[in-house]
C-alpha cells in the first residue's frame, strides 16, 4: 500500500509490476537478469478520489497514455527490489505533485523611487553619449 497523504492511499492490487531487462552497459548481469521494473497504474479505474484523478489526467506527462495508464520504468539500480522501491517513490511523487496548487501571483508595480532611479540613470547615460559627439571650435 502506497501512502500518498493521511487520507489517500493506493492499494497494492491497483499497481502492476513487471520485471524486464535493463538497457545499457553492465556486462553479463544485464544479459541474464531482469532487474528493471515497469510499474503500471490505471488512473481511471483506481480508487483515488476524483480530484486526484482529474489532476493526474490533466498532466501533459509522456508517462501517461491516452487510456489513462501511468507507466514508470525504473532501471537505475542493479537489484530488482531497489528498482521496485524507486518506481513506487516516483509514483508517489507524481501523484503528490499533481495536486499541489500553485501560488497565485499578485500583480505588482515598481516603486516610485525605483522608477525615478531608472529615469535618472537613463538621463545620465544619454548625457554621456551626447558628450561623445564632435567638438565644435
Protein backbone atom coordinates (compact mmCIF):
# COMPACT_ATOMS: atom_id res chain seq x y z
CA UNK A 1 0.00 0.00 0.00
CA UNK A 2 1.37 3.39 -1.06
CA UNK A 3 0.56 6.23 1.36
CA UNK A 4 0.00 9.48 -0.56
CA UNK A 5 -1.42 11.55 2.30
CA UNK A 6 -3.07 10.94 5.66
CA UNK A 7 -6.35 10.02 4.00
CA UNK A 8 -5.34 8.86 0.49
CA UNK A 9 -3.65 5.52 -0.22
CA UNK A 10 -3.15 3.34 -3.27
CA UNK A 11 -3.72 -0.39 -2.63
CA UNK A 12 -1.07 -2.79 -3.95
CA UNK A 13 -3.73 -4.57 -6.03
CA UNK A 14 -4.03 -1.49 -8.30
CA UNK A 15 -0.31 -1.38 -9.08
CA UNK A 16 1.06 -3.85 -11.62
CA UNK A 17 4.77 -4.64 -11.71
CA UNK A 18 6.67 -6.45 -14.45
CA UNK A 19 10.38 -7.21 -14.47
CA UNK A 20 12.28 -6.57 -17.70
CA UNK A 21 15.91 -6.49 -18.71
CA UNK A 22 17.73 -3.22 -18.17
CA UNK A 23 19.22 -1.24 -21.02
CA UNK A 24 22.78 -0.08 -21.44
CA UNK A 25 26.13 -1.29 -20.24
CA UNK A 26 26.53 -3.72 -17.38
CA UNK A 27 28.14 -6.85 -18.68
CA UNK A 28 26.67 -10.31 -18.14
CA UNK A 29 24.31 -9.15 -15.41
CA UNK A 30 22.32 -7.10 -17.91
CA UNK A 31 22.06 -10.03 -20.31
CA UNK A 32 20.99 -12.59 -17.71
CA UNK A 33 18.90 -10.88 -15.04
CA UNK A 34 15.65 -8.90 -15.41
CA UNK A 35 16.32 -6.13 -12.91
CA UNK A 36 14.43 -3.21 -14.46
CA UNK A 37 10.84 -2.67 -13.35
CA UNK A 38 7.82 -1.47 -15.31
CA UNK A 39 5.15 -0.09 -12.99
CA UNK A 40 1.68 0.27 -14.50
CA UNK A 41 -1.06 2.18 -12.69
CA UNK A 42 -4.50 2.69 -14.25
CA UNK A 43 -5.60 6.14 -13.13
CA UNK A 44 -9.17 5.90 -14.46
CA UNK A 45 -10.13 2.69 -12.62
CA UNK A 46 -8.12 3.43 -9.46
CA UNK A 47 -9.59 4.12 -6.04
CA UNK A 48 -8.08 7.60 -5.90
CA UNK A 49 -10.50 10.49 -5.24
CA UNK A 50 -11.90 12.10 -8.39
CA UNK A 51 -9.97 15.31 -7.70
CA UNK A 52 -6.68 13.38 -7.82
CA UNK A 53 -7.71 11.51 -10.98
CA UNK A 54 -8.68 14.70 -12.80
CA UNK A 55 -5.44 16.45 -11.89
CA UNK A 56 -3.33 13.44 -12.96
CA UNK A 57 -5.15 13.08 -16.29
CA UNK A 58 -4.69 16.80 -17.00
CA UNK A 59 -0.90 16.49 -16.73
CA UNK A 60 0.99 16.62 -20.00
CA UNK A 61 3.35 13.84 -18.95
CA UNK A 62 4.62 11.37 -21.56
CA UNK A 63 4.41 8.59 -18.99
CA UNK A 64 0.59 8.79 -19.02
CA UNK A 65 -1.01 7.04 -22.00
CA UNK A 66 -4.16 8.18 -23.82
CA UNK A 67 -6.11 5.49 -21.97
CA UNK A 68 -5.06 6.98 -18.62
CA UNK A 69 -2.44 4.38 -17.67
CA UNK A 70 0.68 5.64 -15.93
CA UNK A 71 3.82 3.70 -16.92
CA UNK A 72 7.01 4.18 -14.92
CA UNK A 73 10.26 2.43 -15.85
CA UNK A 74 12.92 2.16 -13.15
CA UNK A 75 16.33 0.73 -14.06
CA UNK A 76 18.93 2.80 -12.21
CA UNK A 77 19.81 0.17 -9.62
CA UNK A 78 21.32 -3.27 -10.06
CA UNK A 79 18.73 -5.05 -7.92
CA UNK A 80 15.08 -5.58 -8.78
CA UNK A 81 13.92 -4.67 -5.27
CA UNK A 82 15.66 -1.27 -5.32
CA UNK A 83 14.15 -0.53 -8.73
CA UNK A 84 10.70 -1.51 -7.39
CA UNK A 85 11.12 0.93 -4.49
CA UNK A 86 12.32 3.64 -6.89
CA UNK A 87 9.25 3.13 -9.12
CA UNK A 88 6.90 3.36 -6.12
CA UNK A 89 8.67 6.53 -4.95
CA UNK A 90 8.23 8.10 -8.40
CA UNK A 91 4.54 7.17 -8.43
CA UNK A 92 4.06 8.75 -5.01
CA UNK A 93 5.95 11.90 -6.04
CA UNK A 94 3.95 12.26 -9.27
CA UNK A 95 0.60 11.94 -7.50
CA UNK A 96 1.67 14.41 -4.81
CA UNK A 97 2.98 16.93 -7.35
CA UNK A 98 -0.24 16.76 -9.38
CA UNK A 99 -2.41 18.05 -6.55
CA UNK A 100 -0.19 20.94 -5.48
CA UNK A 101 -1.98 24.20 -6.23
CA UNK A 102 0.47 26.82 -7.48
CA UNK A 103 0.60 30.07 -5.54
CA UNK A 104 -1.32 32.89 -7.21
CA UNK A 105 0.86 35.77 -8.28
CA UNK A 106 -0.12 39.19 -7.03
CA UNK A 107 0.47 41.78 -9.74
CA UNK A 108 2.86 44.46 -8.51
CA UNK A 109 4.13 47.78 -9.76
CA UNK A 110 7.64 49.19 -9.46
CA UNK A 111 8.02 51.66 -6.59
CA UNK A 112 8.19 55.39 -7.25
CA UNK A 113 11.82 55.58 -6.17
CA UNK A 114 12.84 52.71 -8.47
CA UNK A 115 11.09 54.43 -11.39
CA UNK A 116 12.87 57.71 -10.59
CA UNK A 117 16.25 55.94 -10.33
CA UNK A 118 15.67 54.27 -13.70
CA UNK A 119 14.85 57.56 -15.39
CA UNK A 120 17.84 59.29 -13.75
CA UNK A 121 20.22 56.59 -14.98
CA UNK A 122 18.76 56.90 -18.49
CA UNK A 123 19.28 60.67 -18.41
CA UNK A 124 22.90 60.30 -17.23
CA UNK A 125 23.62 57.69 -19.87
CA UNK A 126 22.16 59.88 -22.64
CA UNK A 127 24.32 62.80 -21.43
CA UNK A 128 27.45 60.61 -21.58
CA UNK A 129 26.61 59.59 -25.13
CA UNK A 130 25.71 63.14 -26.18
CA UNK A 131 29.12 64.36 -24.93
CA UNK A 132 30.89 61.90 -27.24
CA UNK A 133 29.96 63.93 -30.29
CA UNK A 134 32.30 66.11 -32.38
CA UNK A 135 33.68 69.17 -30.58
CA UNK A 136 32.81 72.45 -32.32
CA UNK A 137 35.56 75.11 -32.04
